[in-house]
């Protein structure tokens, strides 16, 4: 089995982060449900353009499967123990992907202060 995963670099304003996810992200929906992405976006409070760069990799041989969260944890431990892991012969860089999206917390979460109701006790 061959695991398909991506090392993602995300930039929103002055903030940035890097993390691994399963598969190849090509749009916002591909990042949803990955905790590292959600953790990062939780701190973006203003509408902003978010830039995403992903390097896609295959690890192993045989039939290709998107890496699961469990697989991602394993790959992270391999990277922590070997800084050159992504450059080894068992890991193939197969593609680079760049895209962006506009993050608007007001639209997503209804955080518009004008919509808040004051409740008196």
C-alpha atoms as a PDB file:
ATOM      1  CA  UNK A   1       0.000   0.000   0.000  1.00  0.00           C
ATOM      2  CA  UNK A   2       1.146   3.526  -0.836  1.00  0.00           C
ATOM      3  CA  UNK A   3       0.037   6.467   1.325  1.00  0.00           C
ATOM      4  CA  UNK A   4      -0.882   9.748  -0.371  1.00  0.00           C
ATOM      5  CA  UNK A   5      -0.365  12.783   1.844  1.00  0.00           C
ATOM      6  CA  UNK A   6       0.514  16.456   1.604  1.00  0.00           C
ATOM      7  CA  UNK A   7       2.670  18.838   3.545  1.00  0.00           C
ATOM      8  CA  UNK A   8       0.595  22.022   3.638  1.00  0.00           C
ATOM      9  CA  UNK A   9       1.820  25.552   4.251  1.00  0.00           C
ATOM     10  CA  UNK A  10      -0.957  28.029   4.974  1.00  0.00           C
ATOM     11  CA  UNK A  11      -0.681  31.819   5.270  1.00  0.00           C
ATOM     12  CA  UNK A  12      -3.378  34.182   6.546  1.00  0.00           C
ATOM     13  CA  UNK A  13      -2.237  37.758   7.030  1.00  0.00           C
ATOM     14  CA  UNK A  14       0.917  37.708   9.168  1.00  0.00           C
ATOM     15  CA  UNK A  15       0.287  34.190  10.477  1.00  0.00           C
ATOM     16  CA  UNK A  16       1.410  30.923   8.921  1.00  0.00           C
ATOM     17  CA  UNK A  17       1.584  27.241   9.776  1.00  0.00           C
ATOM     18  CA  UNK A  18       2.689  23.932   8.282  1.00  0.00           C
ATOM     19  CA  UNK A  19       1.047  20.554   8.771  1.00  0.00           C
ATOM     20  CA  UNK A  20       0.337  17.222   7.099  1.00  0.00           C
ATOM     21  CA  UNK A  21      -3.004  15.989   5.779  1.00  0.00           C
ATOM     22  CA  UNK A  22      -4.136  12.939   3.843  1.00  0.00           C
ATOM     23  CA  UNK A  23      -4.639  13.288   0.093  1.00  0.00           C
ATOM     24  CA  UNK A  24      -3.991  16.369  -2.024  1.00  0.00           C
ATOM     25  CA  UNK A  25      -5.857  19.565  -1.142  1.00  0.00           C
ATOM     26  CA  UNK A  26      -7.095  21.516  -4.138  1.00  0.00           C
ATOM     27  CA  UNK A  27      -9.713  23.687  -2.415  1.00  0.00           C
ATOM     28  CA  UNK A  28     -10.993  24.734   1.012  1.00  0.00           C
ATOM     29  CA  UNK A  29     -13.245  21.661   1.348  1.00  0.00           C
ATOM     30  CA  UNK A  30     -10.205  19.367   1.159  1.00  0.00           C
ATOM     31  CA  UNK A  31      -8.768  20.977   4.305  1.00  0.00           C
ATOM     32  CA  UNK A  32     -11.926  20.829   6.406  1.00  0.00           C
ATOM     33  CA  UNK A  33     -12.034  18.244   9.179  1.00  0.00           C
ATOM     34  CA  UNK A  34      -8.229  18.198   9.563  1.00  0.00           C
ATOM     35  CA  UNK A  35      -7.605  19.401  13.114  1.00  0.00           C
ATOM     36  CA  UNK A  36      -4.350  21.232  12.310  1.00  0.00           C
ATOM     37  CA  UNK A  37      -6.189  23.337   9.714  1.00  0.00           C
ATOM     38  CA  UNK A  38      -9.161  23.993  11.992  1.00  0.00           C
ATOM     39  CA  UNK A  39      -6.845  24.900  14.883  1.00  0.00           C
ATOM     40  CA  UNK A  40      -5.054  27.459  12.716  1.00  0.00           C
ATOM     41  CA  UNK A  41      -8.234  28.990  11.271  1.00  0.00           C
ATOM     42  CA  UNK A  42      -9.797  29.325  14.726  1.00  0.00           C
ATOM     43  CA  UNK A  43      -7.454  32.275  15.341  1.00  0.00           C
ATOM     44  CA  UNK A  44      -8.189  34.122  12.088  1.00  0.00           C
ATOM     45  CA  UNK A  45     -10.818  36.622  13.193  1.00  0.00           C
ATOM     46  CA  UNK A  46     -10.939  38.987  10.221  1.00  0.00           C
ATOM     47  CA  UNK A  47     -11.914  38.487   6.614  1.00  0.00           C
ATOM     48  CA  UNK A  48      -8.716  37.700   4.756  1.00  0.00           C
ATOM     49  CA  UNK A  49      -7.336  35.872   1.768  1.00  0.00           C
ATOM     50  CA  UNK A  50      -5.750  32.589   2.817  1.00  0.00           C
ATOM     51  CA  UNK A  51      -2.890  31.248   0.692  1.00  0.00           C
ATOM     52  CA  UNK A  52      -2.272  27.503   0.548  1.00  0.00           C
ATOM     53  CA  UNK A  53       0.756  25.685  -0.834  1.00  0.00           C
ATOM     54  CA  UNK A  54       0.857  21.881  -0.706  1.00  0.00           C
ATOM     55  CA  UNK A  55       3.569  19.414  -1.631  1.00  0.00           C
ATOM     56  CA  UNK A  56       1.997  16.022  -2.321  1.00  0.00           C
ATOM     57  CA  UNK A  57       3.888  12.819  -1.525  1.00  0.00           C
ATOM     58  CA  UNK A  58       3.534   9.067  -1.903  1.00  0.00           C
ATOM     59  CA  UNK A  59       5.033   6.852   0.781  1.00  0.00           C
ATOM     60  CA  UNK A  60       5.418   3.136   0.164  1.00  0.00           C
ATOM     61  CA  UNK A  61       4.546   0.944  -2.794  1.00  0.00           C
ATOM     62  CA  UNK A  62       1.419  -0.618  -4.217  1.00  0.00           C
ATOM     63  CA  UNK A  63      -2.162   0.579  -4.361  1.00  0.00           C
ATOM     64  CA  UNK A  64      -2.554   4.236  -3.362  1.00  0.00           C
ATOM     65  CA  UNK A  65      -4.747   5.316  -0.436  1.00  0.00           C
ATOM     66  CA  UNK A  66      -5.214   8.731   1.115  1.00  0.00           C
ATOM     67  CA  UNK A  67      -3.418   8.791   4.460  1.00  0.00           C
ATOM     68  CA  UNK A  68      -5.795   8.598   7.425  1.00  0.00           C
ATOM     69  CA  UNK A  69      -5.350  10.683  10.596  1.00  0.00           C
ATOM     70  CA  UNK A  70      -3.674   7.609  12.132  1.00  0.00           C
ATOM     71  CA  UNK A  71      -1.289   7.399   9.156  1.00  0.00           C
ATOM     72  CA  UNK A  72      -0.565  11.128   9.447  1.00  0.00           C
ATOM     73  CA  UNK A  73       0.422  10.675  13.109  1.00  0.00           C
ATOM     74  CA  UNK A  74       2.823   7.916  12.036  1.00  0.00           C
ATOM     75  CA  UNK A  75       4.300  10.078   9.253  1.00  0.00           C
ATOM     76  CA  UNK A  76       4.772  12.994  11.653  1.00  0.00           C
ATOM     77  CA  UNK A  77       6.669  10.725  14.061  1.00  0.00           C
ATOM     78  CA  UNK A  78       8.880   9.586  11.175  1.00  0.00           C
ATOM     79  CA  UNK A  79       9.566  13.215  10.254  1.00  0.00           C
ATOM     80  CA  UNK A  80      10.301  14.101  13.889  1.00  0.00           C
ATOM     81  CA  UNK A  81      12.889  11.307  14.054  1.00  0.00           C
ATOM     82  CA  UNK A  82      14.421  11.963  10.634  1.00  0.00           C
ATOM     83  CA  UNK A  83      14.628  15.520   9.281  1.00  0.00           C
ATOM     84  CA  UNK A  84      15.356  14.120   5.803  1.00  0.00           C
ATOM     85  CA  UNK A  85      12.371  11.722   5.772  1.00  0.00           C
ATOM     86  CA  UNK A  86      10.633  13.490   2.882  1.00  0.00           C
ATOM     87  CA  UNK A  87      13.835  13.261   0.838  1.00  0.00           C
ATOM     88  CA  UNK A  88      14.293   9.487   1.238  1.00  0.00           C
ATOM     89  CA  UNK A  89      13.913   7.065  -1.669  1.00  0.00           C
ATOM     90  CA  UNK A  90      10.731   5.601  -0.121  1.00  0.00           C
ATOM     91  CA  UNK A  91       8.981   8.998  -0.383  1.00  0.00           C
ATOM     92  CA  UNK A  92       8.132  10.511  -3.777  1.00  0.00           C
ATOM     93  CA  UNK A  93       7.179  14.163  -4.222  1.00  0.00           C
ATOM     94  CA  UNK A  94       4.530  13.866  -6.935  1.00  0.00           C
ATOM     95  CA  UNK A  95       2.910  17.293  -7.212  1.00  0.00           C
ATOM     96  CA  UNK A  96       2.771  20.884  -5.969  1.00  0.00           C
ATOM     97  CA  UNK A  97      -0.555  22.660  -5.559  1.00  0.00           C
ATOM     98  CA  UNK A  98      -1.291  26.332  -4.887  1.00  0.00           C
ATOM     99  CA  UNK A  99      -4.679  27.905  -4.278  1.00  0.00           C
ATOM    100  CA  UNK A 100      -6.336  30.530  -2.121  1.00  0.00           C
ATOM    101  CA  UNK A 101      -9.703  31.237  -0.576  1.00  0.00           C
ATOM    102  CA  UNK A 102     -11.307  34.112   1.287  1.00  0.00           C
ATOM    103  CA  UNK A 103     -11.919  33.389   4.950  1.00  0.00           C
ATOM    104  CA  UNK A 104     -14.893  35.311   6.296  1.00  0.00           C
ATOM    105  CA  UNK A 105     -15.728  34.481   9.934  1.00  0.00           C
ATOM    106  CA  UNK A 106     -18.826  36.704   9.769  1.00  0.00           C
ATOM    107  CA  UNK A 107     -20.327  34.626   6.970  1.00  0.00           C
ATOM    108  CA  UNK A 108     -19.305  31.294   8.466  1.00  0.00           C
ATOM    109  CA  UNK A 109     -20.163  31.894  12.097  1.00  0.00           C
ATOM    110  CA  UNK A 110     -22.550  34.831  12.078  1.00  0.00           C
ATOM    111  CA  UNK A 111     -20.134  36.923  14.140  1.00  0.00           C
ATOM    112  CA  UNK A 112     -21.594  40.204  12.913  1.00  0.00           C
ATOM    113  CA  UNK A 113     -21.961  42.349  16.072  1.00  0.00           C
ATOM    114  CA  UNK A 114     -24.972  44.111  14.541  1.00  0.00           C
ATOM    115  CA  UNK A 115     -26.807  40.766  14.575  1.00  0.00           C
ATOM    116  CA  UNK A 116     -26.212  40.133  18.285  1.00  0.00           C
ATOM    117  CA  UNK A 117     -29.217  40.588  20.516  1.00  0.00           C
ATOM    118  CA  UNK A 118     -28.905  42.080  23.963  1.00  0.00           C
ATOM    119  CA  UNK A 119     -30.622  39.967  26.586  1.00  0.00           C
ATOM    120  CA  UNK A 120     -31.424  41.619  29.868  1.00  0.00           C
ATOM    121  CA  UNK A 121     -31.639  39.620  33.057  1.00  0.00           C
END
